[in-house]
Amino acid sequence: MQVRNTIVRDSGAGALLGLAAGDQGSGAAYGHHTQLAMLVAYELLRNRQVESGRIRDGLSRLSGGRSGRSRVRDAPFWLHAYLEQERLQGLGVGPHGGFDVATRAIPIGIWHRDDPKELIADSIRAATATHTDRPSVVSAAILSGAIAGTSHGQYGRDLVAGALEVGMMAADRIADDATLVGDPSDLLHTLRSMIPSVGAGSAEIVEQIAPERDSPTAAMVGLVIVAPVLQDPFAVIADVAPLRRRDIDVVISAVVGARVGLIQWPSSVANDTWFAEVGRRLATRQAVIGDLPDLFEVEERLSHGPPRGYR
């Protein structure tokens, strides 16, 4: 109990800031995980729920469409294939495309932290905007559920078990959807089997599961590693750094951000006040967006600089 009281929480408001910090890697700015998460965040602040078609439209704008210049940094392989389609109608890429699907659902876990049914529904809609494989969809629900649980003070095995329950509910909901393919059973079984490993060293957990990079399973491993509450919540980030698993680090940083709230991040984060304010509005369900920076203009400047260059 003493350890838990050292954590300052703002109902998950720091999750986006943490995600951006973990997504920076060795670059000067965050990558596509944060970009797509912010796309979903703006969707929630503007419309209070997610709609797959609007997410696709936003992705099209962010990527510059079929002929424009892309603002997406470190674009994943599935996005290149997606843009090759004659029409933006979504793309099922199989069970290894879902890591990006999971991280984009992080804002949903903040906004719907008190409403599991809507959390699951919006996680599914955000995932199926681009993917049609069930493991990807379920991984999105699990991670958004973990963010919601963290914002309510859950940790340890309880946090993982709660996120697993959300994943099982999502799997049941999409079981009869003929537009989706694949079986999420292995993903759910893997997460369930890792619950006894909560509290073990990060290297030990990664070695035990050996998740493929940028896979839904990698997101589950990150969740299990970050689940315990530490005296220094940022210590887990330093602990996992030697593994050079940016995919796992992104999940860990987002959960840590949700846990510690809106406090100064240990490392510099581009546009940190933007992420903090959007996170705060999601946490307080303040659906006001008119005074926020335009999402696409921000990404244009970060990717290509101001219209006339820097002076």
C-alpha atoms as a PDB file:
ATOM      1  CA  MET A   1       0.000   0.000   0.000  1.00  0.00           C
ATOM      2  CA  GLN A   2       2.870   2.352   0.725  1.00  0.00           C
ATOM      3  CA  VAL A   3       4.249   1.843  -2.784  1.00  0.00           C
ATOM      4  CA  ARG A   4       0.861   2.498  -4.362  1.00  0.00           C
ATOM      5  CA  ASN A   5       0.507   5.817  -2.532  1.00  0.00           C
ATOM      6  CA  THR A   6       3.684   7.147  -4.141  1.00  0.00           C
ATOM      7  CA  ILE A   7       1.971   7.120  -7.552  1.00  0.00           C
ATOM      8  CA  VAL A   8       0.237  10.320  -8.644  1.00  0.00           C
ATOM      9  CA  ARG A   9      -2.651   9.612 -11.031  1.00  0.00           C
ATOM     10  CA  ASP A  10      -4.795  11.802 -13.257  1.00  0.00           C
ATOM     11  CA  SER A  11      -7.200   9.116 -14.482  1.00  0.00           C
ATOM     12  CA  GLY A  12      -4.981   8.082 -17.364  1.00  0.00           C
ATOM     13  CA  ALA A  13      -4.405  11.606 -18.679  1.00  0.00           C
ATOM     14  CA  GLY A  14      -0.670  11.019 -19.109  1.00  0.00           C
ATOM     15  CA  ALA A  15      -1.040   7.991 -21.390  1.00  0.00           C
ATOM     16  CA  LEU A  16      -0.605   9.927 -24.650  1.00  0.00           C
ATOM     17  CA  LEU A  17       2.434  11.741 -23.301  1.00  0.00           C
ATOM     18  CA  GLY A  18       3.935   8.402 -22.301  1.00  0.00           C
ATOM     19  CA  LEU A  19       3.104   6.889 -25.677  1.00  0.00           C
ATOM     20  CA  ALA A  20       4.847   9.746 -27.484  1.00  0.00           C
ATOM     21  CA  ALA A  21       7.908   9.379 -25.257  1.00  0.00           C
ATOM     22  CA  GLY A  22       8.180   5.673 -25.963  1.00  0.00           C
ATOM     23  CA  ASP A  23       7.468   6.178 -29.660  1.00  0.00           C
ATOM     24  CA  GLN A  24      10.351   8.583 -30.174  1.00  0.00           C
ATOM     25  CA  GLY A  25      12.972   5.865 -30.214  1.00  0.00           C
ATOM     26  CA  SER A  26      16.209   7.371 -31.433  1.00  0.00           C
ATOM     27  CA  GLY A  27      14.448   9.936 -33.642  1.00  0.00           C
ATOM     28  CA  ALA A  28      13.767  13.596 -32.975  1.00  0.00           C
ATOM     29  CA  ALA A  29      10.005  13.106 -32.968  1.00  0.00           C
ATOM     30  CA  TYR A  30       7.477  10.406 -32.230  1.00  0.00           C
ATOM     31  CA  GLY A  31       6.427   7.926 -34.900  1.00  0.00           C
ATOM     32  CA  HIS A  32       3.260   6.493 -36.389  1.00  0.00           C
ATOM     33  CA  HIS A  33       1.988   4.871 -33.177  1.00  0.00           C
ATOM     34  CA  THR A  34       1.424   8.284 -31.627  1.00  0.00           C
ATOM     35  CA  GLN A  35       0.208   9.812 -34.875  1.00  0.00           C
ATOM     36  CA  LEU A  36      -2.561   7.228 -35.270  1.00  0.00           C
ATOM     37  CA  ALA A  37      -3.441   7.400 -31.563  1.00  0.00           C
ATOM     38  CA  MET A  38      -3.868  11.166 -31.852  1.00  0.00           C
ATOM     39  CA  LEU A  39      -6.088  10.627 -34.880  1.00  0.00           C
ATOM     40  CA  VAL A  40      -8.342   8.488 -32.677  1.00  0.00           C
ATOM     41  CA  ALA A  41      -8.103  10.993 -29.804  1.00  0.00           C
ATOM     42  CA  TYR A  42      -9.319  13.830 -32.020  1.00  0.00           C
ATOM     43  CA  GLU A  43     -12.110  11.585 -33.292  1.00  0.00           C
ATOM     44  CA  LEU A  44     -13.272  11.042 -29.694  1.00  0.00           C
ATOM     45  CA  LEU A  45     -13.052  14.719 -28.758  1.00  0.00           C
ATOM     46  CA  ARG A  46     -14.933  15.729 -31.887  1.00  0.00           C
ATOM     47  CA  ASN A  47     -17.610  13.021 -32.036  1.00  0.00           C
ATOM     48  CA  ARG A  48     -17.509  11.269 -28.626  1.00  0.00           C
ATOM     49  CA  GLN A  49     -17.154   7.907 -30.352  1.00  0.00           C
ATOM     50  CA  VAL A  50     -15.146   6.251 -33.104  1.00  0.00           C
ATOM     51  CA  GLU A  51     -16.421   5.641 -36.616  1.00  0.00           C
ATOM     52  CA  SER A  52     -14.307   3.460 -38.908  1.00  0.00           C
ATOM     53  CA  GLY A  53     -14.953   5.501 -42.033  1.00  0.00           C
ATOM     54  CA  ARG A  54     -13.795   8.727 -40.387  1.00  0.00           C
ATOM     55  CA  ILE A  55     -10.627   6.993 -39.181  1.00  0.00           C
ATOM     56  CA  ARG A  56      -9.935   5.871 -42.743  1.00  0.00           C
ATOM     57  CA  ASP A  57     -10.523   9.400 -44.013  1.00  0.00           C
ATOM     58  CA  GLY A  58      -8.126  10.765 -41.404  1.00  0.00           C
ATOM     59  CA  LEU A  59      -5.524   8.178 -42.287  1.00  0.00           C
ATOM     60  CA  SER A  60      -5.857   9.123 -45.929  1.00  0.00           C
ATOM     61  CA  ARG A  61      -5.212  12.776 -45.074  1.00  0.00           C
ATOM     62  CA  LEU A  62      -2.326  11.916 -42.782  1.00  0.00           C
ATOM     63  CA  SER A  63      -0.700   9.773 -45.448  1.00  0.00           C
ATOM     64  CA  GLY A  64      -1.255  12.340 -48.167  1.00  0.00           C
ATOM     65  CA  GLY A  65      -3.681  10.116 -50.052  1.00  0.00           C
ATOM     66  CA  ARG A  66      -2.558   8.201 -53.102  1.00  0.00           C
ATOM     67  CA  SER A  67      -0.679  11.099 -54.694  1.00  0.00           C
ATOM     68  CA  GLY A  68       0.323  13.478 -51.907  1.00  0.00           C
ATOM     69  CA  ARG A  69       3.364  13.413 -49.636  1.00  0.00           C
ATOM     70  CA  SER A  70       2.945  11.377 -46.508  1.00  0.00           C
ATOM     71  CA  ARG A  71       3.204  12.872 -43.044  1.00  0.00           C
ATOM     72  CA  VAL A  72       3.429   9.414 -41.465  1.00  0.00           C
ATOM     73  CA  ARG A  73       6.828   8.820 -39.878  1.00  0.00           C
ATOM     74  CA  ASP A  74       8.251   5.313 -39.688  1.00  0.00           C
ATOM     75  CA  ALA A  75       5.230   4.034 -41.623  1.00  0.00           C
ATOM     76  CA  PRO A  76       4.480   0.331 -40.992  1.00  0.00           C
ATOM     77  CA  PHE A  77       4.475  -2.175 -43.838  1.00  0.00           C
ATOM     78  CA  TRP A  78       0.702  -2.556 -43.820  1.00  0.00           C
ATOM     79  CA  LEU A  79       0.219   1.144 -44.528  1.00  0.00           C
ATOM     80  CA  HIS A  80       2.210   0.940 -47.745  1.00  0.00           C
ATOM     81  CA  ALA A  81       0.015  -1.942 -48.868  1.00  0.00           C
ATOM     82  CA  TYR A  82      -3.086  -0.073 -47.737  1.00  0.00           C
ATOM     83  CA  LEU A  83      -2.235   2.922 -49.921  1.00  0.00           C
ATOM     84  CA  GLU A  84      -1.811   0.702 -52.938  1.00  0.00           C
ATOM     85  CA  GLN A  85      -5.476  -0.188 -52.846  1.00  0.00           C
ATOM     86  CA  GLU A  86      -7.624   1.437 -55.496  1.00  0.00           C
ATOM     87  CA  ARG A  87     -10.060   2.552 -52.801  1.00  0.00           C
ATOM     88  CA  LEU A  88      -9.507   3.036 -49.064  1.00  0.00           C
ATOM     89  CA  GLN A  89     -11.783   0.234 -47.901  1.00  0.00           C
ATOM     90  CA  GLY A  90      -9.649  -1.348 -45.209  1.00  0.00           C
ATOM     91  CA  LEU A  91      -7.002  -4.028 -45.361  1.00  0.00           C
ATOM     92  CA  GLY A  92      -6.733  -7.335 -43.552  1.00  0.00           C
ATOM     93  CA  VAL A  93      -3.052  -8.100 -43.126  1.00  0.00           C
ATOM     94  CA  GLY A  94      -3.097 -11.234 -41.021  1.00  0.00           C
ATOM     95  CA  PRO A  95      -2.221 -11.856 -37.381  1.00  0.00           C
ATOM     96  CA  HIS A  96       1.105  -9.998 -37.423  1.00  0.00           C
ATOM     97  CA  GLY A  97      -0.230  -6.569 -38.356  1.00  0.00           C
ATOM     98  CA  GLY A  98      -1.991  -5.779 -35.126  1.00  0.00           C
ATOM     99  CA  PHE A  99       0.572  -4.061 -32.960  1.00  0.00           C
ATOM    100  CA  ASP A 100      -0.256  -0.679 -34.507  1.00  0.00           C
ATOM    101  CA  VAL A 101      -3.941  -1.471 -34.069  1.00  0.00           C
ATOM    102  CA  ALA A 102      -3.431  -1.947 -30.334  1.00  0.00           C
ATOM    103  CA  THR A 103      -1.531   1.289 -29.729  1.00  0.00           C
ATOM    104  CA  ARG A 104      -4.037   3.421 -31.627  1.00  0.00           C
ATOM    105  CA  ALA A 105      -6.717   2.286 -29.132  1.00  0.00           C
ATOM    106  CA  ILE A 106      -4.954   3.890 -26.147  1.00  0.00           C
ATOM    107  CA  PRO A 107      -7.095   7.075 -26.194  1.00  0.00           C
ATOM    108  CA  ILE A 108     -10.201   4.889 -26.112  1.00  0.00           C
ATOM    109  CA  GLY A 109      -9.061   3.450 -22.789  1.00  0.00           C
ATOM    110  CA  ILE A 110      -8.897   6.971 -21.354  1.00  0.00           C
ATOM    111  CA  TRP A 111     -12.200   8.246 -22.757  1.00  0.00           C
ATOM    112  CA  HIS A 112     -14.257   5.116 -21.998  1.00  0.00           C
ATOM    113  CA  ARG A 113     -12.529   4.084 -18.764  1.00  0.00           C
ATOM    114  CA  ASP A 114     -15.921   3.975 -16.985  1.00  0.00           C
ATOM    115  CA  ASP A 115     -17.829   2.216 -19.773  1.00  0.00           C
ATOM    116  CA  PRO A 116     -16.478  -1.242 -20.750  1.00  0.00           C
ATOM    117  CA  LYS A 117     -19.143  -1.848 -23.397  1.00  0.00           C
ATOM    118  CA  GLU A 118     -18.382   1.372 -25.264  1.00  0.00           C
ATOM    119  CA  LEU A 119     -14.652   0.805 -24.764  1.00  0.00           C
ATOM    120  CA  ILE A 120     -14.932  -2.537 -26.537  1.00  0.00           C
ATOM    121  CA  ALA A 121     -17.215  -1.195 -29.267  1.00  0.00           C
ATOM    122  CA  ASP A 122     -14.920   1.727 -30.108  1.00  0.00           C
ATOM    123  CA  SER A 123     -11.791  -0.434 -29.908  1.00  0.00           C
ATOM    124  CA  ILE A 124     -13.346  -2.738 -32.499  1.00  0.00           C
ATOM    125  CA  ARG A 125     -14.327   0.161 -34.743  1.00  0.00           C
ATOM    126  CA  ALA A 126     -10.872   1.735 -34.519  1.00  0.00           C
ATOM    127  CA  ALA A 127      -9.200  -1.586 -35.327  1.00  0.00           C
ATOM    128  CA  THR A 128     -11.446  -2.582 -38.223  1.00  0.00           C
ATOM    129  CA  ALA A 129     -10.876   0.776 -39.885  1.00  0.00           C
ATOM    130  CA  THR A 130      -7.814  -0.865 -41.445  1.00  0.00           C
ATOM    131  CA  HIS A 131      -7.556  -4.490 -40.299  1.00  0.00           C
ATOM    132  CA  THR A 132      -9.789  -7.534 -40.528  1.00  0.00           C
ATOM    133  CA  ASP A 133      -7.925 -10.112 -38.435  1.00  0.00           C
ATOM    134  CA  ARG A 134      -9.431 -10.965 -35.059  1.00  0.00           C
ATOM    135  CA  PRO A 135      -6.159 -11.126 -33.070  1.00  0.00           C
ATOM    136  CA  SER A 136      -5.445  -7.502 -34.016  1.00  0.00           C
ATOM    137  CA  VAL A 137      -8.932  -6.402 -32.994  1.00  0.00           C
ATOM    138  CA  VAL A 138      -8.748  -8.237 -29.667  1.00  0.00           C
ATOM    139  CA  SER A 139      -5.290  -6.808 -28.918  1.00  0.00           C
ATOM    140  CA  ALA A 140      -6.733  -3.304 -29.326  1.00  0.00           C
ATOM    141  CA  ALA A 141      -9.464  -4.034 -26.784  1.00  0.00           C
ATOM    142  CA  ILE A 142      -6.949  -5.547 -24.358  1.00  0.00           C
ATOM    143  CA  LEU A 143      -4.613  -2.557 -24.425  1.00  0.00           C
ATOM    144  CA  SER A 144      -7.419  -0.004 -24.147  1.00  0.00           C
ATOM    145  CA  GLY A 145      -8.778  -2.057 -21.251  1.00  0.00           C
ATOM    146  CA  ALA A 146      -5.363  -1.981 -19.590  1.00  0.00           C
ATOM    147  CA  ILE A 147      -5.195   1.808 -19.913  1.00  0.00           C
ATOM    148  CA  ALA A 148      -8.664   2.064 -18.357  1.00  0.00           C
ATOM    149  CA  GLY A 149      -7.684  -0.266 -15.524  1.00  0.00           C
ATOM    150  CA  THR A 150      -4.454   1.614 -14.869  1.00  0.00           C
ATOM    151  CA  SER A 151      -6.316   4.921 -14.693  1.00  0.00           C
ATOM    152  CA  HIS A 152      -8.493   3.405 -11.958  1.00  0.00           C
ATOM    153  CA  GLY A 153      -5.476   2.288  -9.940  1.00  0.00           C
ATOM    154  CA  GLN A 154      -5.351  -1.365 -10.971  1.00  0.00           C
ATOM    155  CA  TYR A 155      -1.930  -2.972 -11.125  1.00  0.00           C
ATOM    156  CA  GLY A 156      -0.183  -6.314 -10.946  1.00  0.00           C
ATOM    157  CA  ARG A 157      -2.038  -9.507 -11.784  1.00  0.00           C
ATOM    158  CA  ASP A 158      -5.373  -7.755 -11.318  1.00  0.00           C
ATOM    159  CA  LEU A 159      -4.522  -5.351 -14.143  1.00  0.00           C
ATOM    160  CA  VAL A 160      -3.579  -8.145 -16.538  1.00  0.00           C
ATOM    161  CA  ALA A 161      -6.573 -10.273 -15.561  1.00  0.00           C
ATOM    162  CA  GLY A 162      -8.907  -7.326 -16.081  1.00  0.00           C
ATOM    163  CA  ALA A 163      -7.440  -6.568 -19.500  1.00  0.00           C
ATOM    164  CA  LEU A 164      -7.749 -10.248 -20.396  1.00  0.00           C
ATOM    165  CA  GLU A 165     -11.431 -10.171 -19.463  1.00  0.00           C
ATOM    166  CA  VAL A 166     -11.948  -7.198 -21.788  1.00  0.00           C
ATOM    167  CA  GLY A 167     -10.188  -9.126 -24.550  1.00  0.00           C
ATOM    168  CA  MET A 168     -12.434 -12.137 -24.030  1.00  0.00           C
ATOM    169  CA  MET A 169     -15.516  -9.932 -24.215  1.00  0.00           C
ATOM    170  CA  ALA A 170     -14.256  -8.419 -27.462  1.00  0.00           C
ATOM    171  CA  ALA A 171     -13.528 -11.874 -28.885  1.00  0.00           C
ATOM    172  CA  ASP A 172     -17.079 -12.986 -28.085  1.00  0.00           C
ATOM    173  CA  ARG A 173     -18.495  -9.873 -29.716  1.00  0.00           C
ATOM    174  CA  ILE A 174     -16.676 -10.396 -33.032  1.00  0.00           C
ATOM    175  CA  ALA A 175     -16.871 -14.209 -33.103  1.00  0.00           C
ATOM    176  CA  ASP A 176     -19.715 -14.293 -35.637  1.00  0.00           C
ATOM    177  CA  ASP A 177     -18.582 -11.348 -37.756  1.00  0.00           C
ATOM    178  CA  ALA A 178     -18.116 -12.848 -41.225  1.00  0.00           C
ATOM    179  CA  THR A 179     -16.018  -9.885 -42.366  1.00  0.00           C
ATOM    180  CA  LEU A 180     -13.222 -10.834 -39.963  1.00  0.00           C
ATOM    181  CA  VAL A 181     -10.720 -13.668 -40.192  1.00  0.00           C
ATOM    182  CA  GLY A 182      -8.432 -15.514 -37.791  1.00  0.00           C
ATOM    183  CA  ASP A 183      -8.737 -16.880 -34.288  1.00  0.00           C
ATOM    184  CA  PRO A 184      -7.688 -14.822 -31.225  1.00  0.00           C
ATOM    185  CA  SER A 185      -7.582 -17.879 -28.948  1.00  0.00           C
ATOM    186  CA  ASP A 186      -3.786 -18.186 -29.028  1.00  0.00           C
ATOM    187  CA  LEU A 187      -3.361 -14.512 -28.136  1.00  0.00           C
ATOM    188  CA  LEU A 188      -5.755 -14.794 -25.207  1.00  0.00           C
ATOM    189  CA  HIS A 189      -4.143 -18.049 -24.046  1.00  0.00           C
ATOM    190  CA  THR A 190      -0.692 -16.466 -24.165  1.00  0.00           C
ATOM    191  CA  LEU A 191      -1.797 -13.516 -22.046  1.00  0.00           C
ATOM    192  CA  ARG A 192      -3.510 -15.816 -19.549  1.00  0.00           C
ATOM    193  CA  SER A 193      -0.384 -17.990 -19.297  1.00  0.00           C
ATOM    194  CA  MET A 194       1.751 -14.929 -18.513  1.00  0.00           C
ATOM    195  CA  ILE A 195      -0.254 -13.788 -15.486  1.00  0.00           C
ATOM    196  CA  PRO A 196       1.924 -15.832 -13.065  1.00  0.00           C
ATOM    197  CA  SER A 197       4.987 -14.082 -14.560  1.00  0.00           C
ATOM    198  CA  VAL A 198       3.866 -10.626 -13.415  1.00  0.00           C
ATOM    199  CA  GLY A 199       6.742  -9.252 -11.344  1.00  0.00           C
ATOM    200  CA  ALA A 200       9.449 -11.250 -13.117  1.00  0.00           C
ATOM    201  CA  GLY A 201      12.294  -9.475 -14.882  1.00  0.00           C
ATOM    202  CA  SER A 202      11.610  -7.985 -18.296  1.00  0.00           C
ATOM    203  CA  ALA A 203      14.363  -9.989 -19.999  1.00  0.00           C
ATOM    204  CA  GLU A 204      13.010 -13.199 -18.477  1.00  0.00           C
ATOM    205  CA  ILE A 205       9.478 -12.505 -19.732  1.00  0.00           C
ATOM    206  CA  VAL A 206      10.641 -11.605 -23.237  1.00  0.00           C
ATOM    207  CA  GLU A 207      12.833 -14.712 -23.397  1.00  0.00           C
ATOM    208  CA  GLN A 208       9.980 -16.901 -22.159  1.00  0.00           C
ATOM    209  CA  ILE A 209       7.467 -15.722 -24.785  1.00  0.00           C
ATOM    210  CA  ALA A 210       9.856 -14.603 -27.563  1.00  0.00           C
ATOM    211  CA  PRO A 211       7.193 -12.434 -29.247  1.00  0.00           C
ATOM    212  CA  GLU A 212       7.623 -11.573 -32.898  1.00  0.00           C
ATOM    213  CA  ARG A 213       8.460  -7.897 -33.303  1.00  0.00           C
ATOM    214  CA  ASP A 214       5.510  -5.572 -33.800  1.00  0.00           C
ATOM    215  CA  SER A 215       3.019  -8.375 -33.210  1.00  0.00           C
ATOM    216  CA  PRO A 216      -0.088  -8.398 -30.999  1.00  0.00           C
ATOM    217  CA  THR A 217       1.782 -10.741 -28.654  1.00  0.00           C
ATOM    218  CA  ALA A 218       4.504  -8.112 -28.184  1.00  0.00           C
ATOM    219  CA  ALA A 219       1.840  -5.739 -26.860  1.00  0.00           C
ATOM    220  CA  MET A 220       0.753  -8.406 -24.362  1.00  0.00           C
ATOM    221  CA  VAL A 221       4.341  -8.890 -23.190  1.00  0.00           C
ATOM    222  CA  GLY A 222       4.710  -5.148 -22.648  1.00  0.00           C
ATOM    223  CA  LEU A 223       1.558  -5.146 -20.530  1.00  0.00           C
ATOM    224  CA  VAL A 224       2.786  -7.981 -18.309  1.00  0.00           C
ATOM    225  CA  ILE A 225       6.182  -6.327 -17.810  1.00  0.00           C
ATOM    226  CA  VAL A 226       4.688  -2.971 -16.789  1.00  0.00           C
ATOM    227  CA  ALA A 227       1.872  -4.359 -14.615  1.00  0.00           C
ATOM    228  CA  PRO A 228       3.602  -4.176 -11.190  1.00  0.00           C
ATOM    229  CA  VAL A 229       3.709  -0.857  -9.348  1.00  0.00           C
ATOM    230  CA  LEU A 230       7.276   0.209  -8.605  1.00  0.00           C
ATOM    231  CA  GLN A 231       8.579   2.803  -6.171  1.00  0.00           C
ATOM    232  CA  ASP A 232      10.012   4.543  -9.234  1.00  0.00           C
ATOM    233  CA  PRO A 233       7.463   3.909 -12.017  1.00  0.00           C
ATOM    234  CA  PHE A 234       9.924   5.058 -14.685  1.00  0.00           C
ATOM    235  CA  ALA A 235      12.450   2.392 -13.678  1.00  0.00           C
ATOM    236  CA  VAL A 236      10.729  -0.234 -15.808  1.00  0.00           C
ATOM    237  CA  ILE A 237      11.416   1.859 -18.915  1.00  0.00           C
ATOM    238  CA  ALA A 238      15.138   1.892 -18.186  1.00  0.00           C
ATOM    239  CA  ASP A 239      15.013  -1.817 -17.388  1.00  0.00           C
ATOM    240  CA  VAL A 240      13.569  -2.775 -20.759  1.00  0.00           C
ATOM    241  CA  ALA A 241      15.781  -0.404 -22.795  1.00  0.00           C
ATOM    242  CA  PRO A 242      18.713  -2.859 -23.171  1.00  0.00           C
ATOM    243  CA  LEU A 243      16.358  -5.299 -24.913  1.00  0.00           C
ATOM    244  CA  ARG A 244      16.049  -2.858 -27.824  1.00  0.00           C
ATOM    245  CA  ARG A 245      12.377  -3.677 -28.249  1.00  0.00           C
ATOM    246  CA  ARG A 246      10.777  -0.409 -29.208  1.00  0.00           C
ATOM    247  CA  ASP A 247       7.487  -2.218 -29.731  1.00  0.00           C
ATOM    248  CA  ILE A 248       7.388  -3.345 -26.101  1.00  0.00           C
ATOM    249  CA  ASP A 249       8.744  -0.023 -24.847  1.00  0.00           C
ATOM    250  CA  VAL A 250       5.863   1.870 -26.501  1.00  0.00           C
ATOM    251  CA  VAL A 251       3.274  -0.117 -24.527  1.00  0.00           C
ATOM    252  CA  ILE A 252       5.215   0.195 -21.282  1.00  0.00           C
ATOM    253  CA  SER A 253       5.609   3.966 -21.633  1.00  0.00           C
ATOM    254  CA  ALA A 254       1.909   4.457 -22.359  1.00  0.00           C
ATOM    255  CA  VAL A 255       0.853   2.482 -19.276  1.00  0.00           C
ATOM    256  CA  VAL A 256       3.406   4.296 -17.115  1.00  0.00           C
ATOM    257  CA  GLY A 257       2.046   7.596 -18.425  1.00  0.00           C
ATOM    258  CA  ALA A 258      -1.491   6.568 -17.510  1.00  0.00           C
ATOM    259  CA  ARG A 259      -0.250   5.569 -14.069  1.00  0.00           C
ATOM    260  CA  VAL A 260       1.748   8.682 -13.160  1.00  0.00           C
ATOM    261  CA  GLY A 261      -0.556  11.223 -14.772  1.00  0.00           C
ATOM    262  CA  LEU A 262       0.423  14.675 -15.972  1.00  0.00           C
ATOM    263  CA  ILE A 263       3.853  15.069 -14.482  1.00  0.00           C
ATOM    264  CA  GLN A 264       7.118  16.023 -16.146  1.00  0.00           C
ATOM    265  CA  TRP A 265       8.368  13.162 -18.295  1.00  0.00           C
ATOM    266  CA  PRO A 266      12.025  12.236 -17.604  1.00  0.00           C
ATOM    267  CA  SER A 267      13.026  12.760 -21.242  1.00  0.00           C
ATOM    268  CA  SER A 268      12.192  15.537 -23.679  1.00  0.00           C
ATOM    269  CA  VAL A 269       9.059  14.910 -25.751  1.00  0.00           C
ATOM    270  CA  ALA A 270       8.198  16.908 -28.852  1.00  0.00           C
ATOM    271  CA  ASN A 271       4.890  18.768 -28.394  1.00  0.00           C
ATOM    272  CA  ASP A 272       4.601  17.536 -24.817  1.00  0.00           C
ATOM    273  CA  THR A 273       2.046  20.173 -23.797  1.00  0.00           C
ATOM    274  CA  TRP A 274      -0.169  19.139 -26.726  1.00  0.00           C
ATOM    275  CA  PHE A 275      -0.201  15.508 -25.613  1.00  0.00           C
ATOM    276  CA  ALA A 276      -0.791  16.549 -22.010  1.00  0.00           C
ATOM    277  CA  GLU A 277      -3.762  18.746 -22.899  1.00  0.00           C
ATOM    278  CA  VAL A 278      -5.382  16.206 -25.221  1.00  0.00           C
ATOM    279  CA  GLY A 279      -4.895  13.561 -22.535  1.00  0.00           C
ATOM    280  CA  ARG A 280      -6.472  15.834 -19.944  1.00  0.00           C
ATOM    281  CA  ARG A 281      -9.523  16.450 -22.129  1.00  0.00           C
ATOM    282  CA  LEU A 282      -9.951  12.752 -22.768  1.00  0.00           C
ATOM    283  CA  ALA A 283      -9.725  12.052 -19.029  1.00  0.00           C
ATOM    284  CA  THR A 284     -12.264  14.754 -18.163  1.00  0.00           C
ATOM    285  CA  ARG A 285     -14.413  13.942 -21.211  1.00  0.00           C
ATOM    286  CA  GLN A 286     -14.166  17.551 -22.307  1.00  0.00           C
ATOM    287  CA  ALA A 287     -15.285  17.270 -25.935  1.00  0.00           C
ATOM    288  CA  VAL A 288     -13.818  20.575 -27.099  1.00  0.00           C
ATOM    289  CA  ILE A 289     -11.416  20.635 -30.005  1.00  0.00           C
ATOM    290  CA  GLY A 290     -11.700  24.011 -31.733  1.00  0.00           C
ATOM    291  CA  ASP A 291      -8.855  25.635 -29.793  1.00  0.00           C
ATOM    292  CA  LEU A 292      -6.441  22.713 -30.244  1.00  0.00           C
ATOM    293  CA  PRO A 293      -3.762  22.697 -32.967  1.00  0.00           C
ATOM    294  CA  ASP A 294      -4.834  21.163 -36.261  1.00  0.00           C
ATOM    295  CA  LEU A 295      -3.633  17.568 -36.194  1.00  0.00           C
ATOM    296  CA  PHE A 296      -2.548  17.485 -39.826  1.00  0.00           C
ATOM    297  CA  GLU A 297      -0.734  20.830 -39.684  1.00  0.00           C
ATOM    298  CA  VAL A 298       1.248  19.671 -36.666  1.00  0.00           C
ATOM    299  CA  GLU A 299       2.318  16.501 -38.449  1.00  0.00           C
ATOM    300  CA  GLU A 300       3.105  18.422 -41.646  1.00  0.00           C
ATOM    301  CA  ARG A 301       5.507  20.685 -39.770  1.00  0.00           C
ATOM    302  CA  LEU A 302       7.172  17.856 -37.901  1.00  0.00           C
ATOM    303  CA  SER A 303       7.606  15.794 -41.061  1.00  0.00           C
ATOM    304  CA  HIS A 304       8.406  18.487 -43.611  1.00  0.00           C
ATOM    305  CA  GLY A 305       8.969  21.760 -41.749  1.00  0.00           C
ATOM    306  CA  PRO A 306       7.003  25.015 -42.076  1.00  0.00           C
ATOM    307  CA  PRO A 307       5.857  26.093 -45.563  1.00  0.00           C
ATOM    308  CA  ARG A 308       8.849  28.385 -46.149  1.00  0.00           C
ATOM    309  CA  GLY A 309      11.355  26.427 -44.154  1.00  0.00           C
ATOM    310  CA  TYR A 310      12.937  27.163 -40.790  1.00  0.00           C
ATOM    311  CA  ARG A 311      14.696  30.477 -40.234  1.00  0.00           C
END
